[in-house]
């Protein structure tokens, strides 16, 4: 907070850049696959590079995937493909991740690294708004409860809509992870006018409402963690 304004912080919600850099240098970068480093470097040249999954977030997702022995997954919001590639690298040889995004151009920034990785066969990228694709999947009864894991990093105004579809697509005991659920720490502010940078304002109220809704959803158990920009991990109960 500076002069009453919340500023976008590159260190996420940690106390300082130095502390965040310590986490990266000690626990993340030494274990980050070289192909993900390459994709991250390519993504850094995009004017909206901060939209991408941070390397510590990618490491966390990979660990979750392994903990639940995920084989079939969905990703809503791909951007340049860092988390998509991290997922594909983690899945078994016969695993599959469906990635949905409206921006093929951003995805193509990471595509050379994906092709080079040797795991492109695990990825199905669909250029489309996500809701019609999720609805199409649900038209086939065989897809209900067929997915082990889902990751959502997309338009916050539709988080609730994505959740209602994904809760049917993931199996009982399956995991749904929502990114950016603390919205740079701005969720504690009293009104939208105090949210900075201004590009965060349109989705500020959506994020707050989604957090309330997800906390009250008895179909899941949740953990809301201050990793990166905030992540909410949901486990389907029934």
Protein backbone atom coordinates (compact mmCIF):
# COMPACT_ATOMS: atom_id res chain seq x y z
CA UNK A 1 0.00 0.00 0.00
CA UNK A 2 1.45 3.37 -1.02
CA UNK A 3 -0.43 6.69 -0.73
CA UNK A 4 -3.62 4.70 -0.19
CA UNK A 5 -3.11 2.74 -3.40
CA UNK A 6 -2.49 -0.97 -3.69
CA UNK A 7 0.28 -1.53 -6.21
CA UNK A 8 0.82 -4.67 -8.31
CA UNK A 9 3.74 -6.47 -6.69
CA UNK A 10 6.03 -8.81 -8.64
CA UNK A 11 6.62 -10.81 -5.46
CA UNK A 12 2.94 -11.69 -5.18
CA UNK A 13 1.73 -11.58 -1.59
CA UNK A 14 5.07 -12.10 0.14
CA UNK A 15 6.62 -9.32 2.18
CA UNK A 16 9.31 -8.33 -0.28
CA UNK A 17 10.95 -8.98 -3.62
CA UNK A 18 13.95 -10.31 -1.72
CA UNK A 19 11.91 -12.95 0.11
CA UNK A 20 10.20 -14.04 -3.09
CA UNK A 21 13.55 -14.23 -4.86
CA UNK A 22 14.83 -16.39 -2.01
CA UNK A 23 11.98 -18.86 -2.58
CA UNK A 24 12.65 -18.92 -6.31
CA UNK A 25 16.43 -19.27 -6.02
CA UNK A 26 16.33 -21.86 -3.25
CA UNK A 27 13.39 -24.10 -4.10
CA UNK A 28 12.02 -23.34 -7.55
CA UNK A 29 14.65 -22.45 -10.15
CA UNK A 30 17.01 -25.36 -9.28
CA UNK A 31 14.16 -27.81 -10.02
CA UNK A 32 12.49 -26.00 -12.92
CA UNK A 33 12.89 -28.04 -16.14
CA UNK A 34 15.03 -26.29 -18.75
CA UNK A 35 12.21 -26.39 -21.28
CA UNK A 36 9.98 -24.44 -18.86
CA UNK A 37 12.75 -21.90 -18.33
CA UNK A 38 12.88 -21.50 -22.10
CA UNK A 39 9.13 -20.99 -22.37
CA UNK A 40 9.17 -18.52 -19.48
CA UNK A 41 11.92 -16.50 -21.17
CA UNK A 42 9.94 -16.38 -24.41
CA UNK A 43 6.82 -15.31 -22.52
CA UNK A 44 8.65 -12.48 -20.76
CA UNK A 45 8.66 -10.49 -24.00
CA UNK A 46 4.84 -10.40 -24.10
CA UNK A 47 3.42 -7.05 -22.89
CA UNK A 48 1.08 -8.96 -20.56
CA UNK A 49 3.73 -11.39 -19.35
CA UNK A 50 2.47 -11.12 -15.77
CA UNK A 51 -0.66 -13.01 -16.89
CA UNK A 52 1.39 -16.18 -17.05
CA UNK A 53 1.65 -18.74 -14.27
CA UNK A 54 4.64 -17.96 -12.06
CA UNK A 55 7.29 -20.69 -11.76
CA UNK A 56 6.47 -21.34 -8.10
CA UNK A 57 2.82 -21.73 -9.09
CA UNK A 58 3.78 -24.16 -11.83
CA UNK A 59 5.84 -26.17 -9.36
CA UNK A 60 2.88 -26.32 -6.97
CA UNK A 61 0.50 -27.49 -9.71
CA UNK A 62 2.93 -30.22 -10.75
CA UNK A 63 3.12 -31.48 -7.19
CA UNK A 64 -0.69 -31.51 -6.86
CA UNK A 65 -1.00 -33.46 -10.11
CA UNK A 66 1.40 -36.08 -8.80
CA UNK A 67 -0.33 -36.29 -5.42
CA UNK A 68 -3.66 -37.18 -7.05
CA UNK A 69 -2.10 -39.35 -9.78
CA UNK A 70 -3.82 -37.22 -12.40
CA UNK A 71 -4.12 -38.60 -15.90
CA UNK A 72 -6.89 -36.58 -17.55
CA UNK A 73 -7.05 -32.83 -16.95
CA UNK A 74 -8.55 -29.55 -18.18
CA UNK A 75 -7.01 -26.09 -18.23
CA UNK A 76 -9.23 -23.03 -18.70
CA UNK A 77 -7.02 -20.12 -19.73
CA UNK A 78 -3.69 -21.04 -21.30
CA UNK A 79 -1.94 -17.78 -22.24
CA UNK A 80 1.56 -18.78 -23.50
CA UNK A 81 1.29 -22.29 -22.11
CA UNK A 82 3.61 -22.38 -19.09
CA UNK A 83 1.18 -24.21 -16.80
CA UNK A 84 -0.06 -26.29 -19.74
CA UNK A 85 3.45 -27.54 -20.45
CA UNK A 86 4.15 -28.05 -16.74
CA UNK A 87 1.04 -30.24 -16.64
CA UNK A 88 1.96 -32.23 -19.73
CA UNK A 89 5.47 -32.85 -18.37
CA UNK A 90 3.93 -34.19 -15.16
CA UNK A 91 1.22 -36.42 -16.62
CA UNK A 92 1.98 -40.07 -17.45
CA UNK A 93 2.80 -41.00 -21.04
CA UNK A 94 -0.85 -41.77 -21.81
CA UNK A 95 -2.14 -38.68 -19.96
CA UNK A 96 -4.03 -35.83 -21.59
CA UNK A 97 -4.65 -32.16 -20.88
CA UNK A 98 -7.28 -30.14 -22.73
CA UNK A 99 -6.26 -26.47 -22.83
CA UNK A 100 -8.88 -23.87 -23.77
CA UNK A 101 -8.12 -20.24 -24.61
CA UNK A 102 -9.43 -17.58 -26.98
CA UNK A 103 -5.93 -16.33 -27.84
CA UNK A 104 -4.08 -18.65 -30.21
CA UNK A 105 -1.44 -15.98 -30.83
CA UNK A 106 -0.32 -15.99 -27.19
CA UNK A 107 -0.26 -19.80 -27.15
CA UNK A 108 2.01 -19.81 -30.20
CA UNK A 109 4.69 -17.98 -28.19
CA UNK A 110 5.15 -21.11 -26.11
CA UNK A 111 4.41 -23.58 -28.89
CA UNK A 112 8.05 -24.02 -30.02
CA UNK A 113 8.97 -25.07 -26.48
CA UNK A 114 5.96 -27.38 -26.32
CA UNK A 115 6.96 -29.03 -29.61
CA UNK A 116 10.55 -29.35 -28.40
CA UNK A 117 9.50 -30.87 -25.07
CA UNK A 118 8.43 -34.24 -26.43
CA UNK A 119 5.04 -34.09 -24.69
CA UNK A 120 2.97 -32.25 -27.30
CA UNK A 121 0.99 -35.46 -27.90
CA UNK A 122 -0.52 -35.10 -24.41
CA UNK A 123 -1.93 -31.63 -25.20
CA UNK A 124 -5.15 -30.75 -26.99
CA UNK A 125 -5.35 -26.99 -27.45
CA UNK A 126 -8.76 -25.58 -28.32
CA UNK A 127 -9.05 -21.96 -29.47
CA UNK A 128 -12.44 -20.93 -28.15
CA UNK A 129 -14.29 -19.36 -25.27
CA UNK A 130 -14.30 -22.02 -22.58
CA UNK A 131 -17.98 -22.24 -21.66
CA UNK A 132 -19.18 -23.70 -24.99
CA UNK A 133 -16.38 -26.30 -24.90
CA UNK A 134 -17.20 -27.31 -21.33
CA UNK A 135 -20.88 -27.53 -22.26
CA UNK A 136 -20.02 -29.70 -25.26
CA UNK A 137 -18.02 -32.03 -23.02
CA UNK A 138 -21.00 -32.34 -20.67
CA UNK A 139 -23.29 -33.32 -23.54
CA UNK A 140 -21.51 -36.68 -23.46
CA UNK A 141 -22.46 -38.49 -20.23
CA UNK A 142 -19.16 -40.37 -20.40
CA UNK A 143 -17.33 -37.15 -19.59
CA UNK A 144 -19.10 -36.60 -16.28
CA UNK A 145 -16.63 -37.40 -13.53
CA UNK A 146 -14.03 -38.39 -16.11
CA UNK A 147 -11.38 -35.78 -15.27
CA UNK A 148 -8.93 -35.90 -12.38
CA UNK A 149 -7.89 -32.27 -12.25
CA UNK A 150 -8.75 -28.81 -13.58
CA UNK A 151 -6.89 -25.50 -13.46
CA UNK A 152 -8.65 -22.19 -14.09
CA UNK A 153 -6.76 -18.99 -14.86
CA UNK A 154 -9.18 -17.07 -17.04
CA UNK A 155 -11.78 -14.28 -17.00
CA UNK A 156 -12.89 -13.83 -13.39
CA UNK A 157 -16.43 -12.83 -14.33
CA UNK A 158 -17.01 -16.44 -15.35
CA UNK A 159 -15.27 -18.21 -12.47
CA UNK A 160 -18.60 -19.33 -11.04
CA UNK A 161 -19.77 -20.57 -14.43
CA UNK A 162 -16.56 -22.52 -14.91
CA UNK A 163 -16.92 -24.02 -11.46
CA UNK A 164 -20.47 -25.23 -12.08
CA UNK A 165 -19.34 -27.12 -15.16
CA UNK A 166 -16.04 -28.41 -13.84
CA UNK A 167 -17.64 -29.78 -10.66
CA UNK A 168 -19.51 -32.16 -12.96
CA UNK A 169 -16.53 -33.00 -15.14
CA UNK A 170 -14.04 -33.83 -12.38
CA UNK A 171 -14.48 -37.06 -10.47
CA UNK A 172 -15.42 -37.30 -6.81
CA UNK A 173 -12.11 -36.69 -5.06
CA UNK A 174 -10.89 -34.72 -8.08
CA UNK A 175 -9.27 -31.29 -7.80
CA UNK A 176 -10.15 -27.88 -9.26
CA UNK A 177 -7.64 -25.05 -8.77
CA UNK A 178 -8.59 -21.41 -9.31
CA UNK A 179 -5.82 -18.84 -9.72
CA UNK A 180 -5.75 -15.14 -8.74
CA UNK A 181 -8.32 -15.52 -5.97
CA UNK A 182 -6.72 -12.85 -3.75
CA UNK A 183 -6.44 -10.45 -6.70
CA UNK A 184 -3.12 -8.95 -5.67
CA UNK A 185 -4.32 -8.52 -2.10
CA UNK A 186 -7.02 -6.05 -3.21
CA UNK A 187 -9.87 -8.26 -1.95
CA UNK A 188 -9.56 -6.57 1.46
CA UNK A 189 -10.17 -3.08 0.08
CA UNK A 190 -13.51 -1.37 0.81
CA UNK A 191 -14.35 -0.36 -2.75
CA UNK A 192 -13.17 -0.56 -6.34
CA UNK A 193 -11.85 3.01 -6.48
CA UNK A 194 -8.93 2.03 -4.25
CA UNK A 195 -7.82 -0.85 -6.48
CA UNK A 196 -4.59 -0.23 -8.40
CA UNK A 197 -3.44 -0.82 -11.03
CA UNK A 198 -6.75 0.09 -12.63
CA UNK A 199 -6.71 -2.95 -14.91
CA UNK A 200 -7.59 -5.00 -11.82
CA UNK A 201 -10.79 -3.08 -11.20
CA UNK A 202 -13.21 -4.80 -13.64
CA UNK A 203 -12.76 -8.21 -12.00
CA UNK A 204 -12.37 -7.07 -8.39
CA UNK A 205 -16.02 -7.51 -7.40
CA UNK A 206 -16.27 -10.79 -9.34
CA UNK A 207 -13.34 -12.20 -7.39
CA UNK A 208 -14.81 -11.22 -4.03
CA UNK A 209 -18.20 -12.71 -4.89
CA UNK A 210 -16.63 -15.91 -6.20
CA UNK A 211 -14.63 -16.33 -3.00
CA UNK A 212 -17.86 -16.03 -0.98
CA UNK A 213 -19.69 -18.49 -3.20
CA UNK A 214 -16.93 -21.08 -3.23
CA UNK A 215 -16.56 -20.92 0.55
CA UNK A 216 -20.27 -21.74 0.92
CA UNK A 217 -20.31 -24.62 -1.60
CA UNK A 218 -20.92 -27.84 0.32
CA UNK A 219 -20.00 -29.99 -2.68
CA UNK A 220 -16.31 -29.27 -2.13
CA UNK A 221 -13.67 -28.84 0.53
CA UNK A 222 -11.28 -25.97 -0.06
CA UNK A 223 -7.95 -24.46 0.87
CA UNK A 224 -7.34 -20.80 0.05
CA UNK A 225 -3.60 -20.22 -0.07
CA UNK A 226 -1.53 -17.03 -0.52
CA UNK A 227 0.66 -18.44 -3.30
CA UNK A 228 1.37 -16.00 -6.10
CA UNK A 229 -1.82 -13.97 -6.57
CA UNK A 230 -3.81 -16.37 -4.41
CA UNK A 231 -4.95 -19.88 -5.29
CA UNK A 232 -8.03 -21.79 -4.17
CA UNK A 233 -7.81 -25.57 -4.24
CA UNK A 234 -11.16 -27.37 -4.34
CA UNK A 235 -11.69 -31.11 -3.83
CA UNK A 236 -15.00 -32.53 -5.00
CA UNK A 237 -16.84 -34.35 -2.21
CA UNK A 238 -19.88 -35.65 -4.07
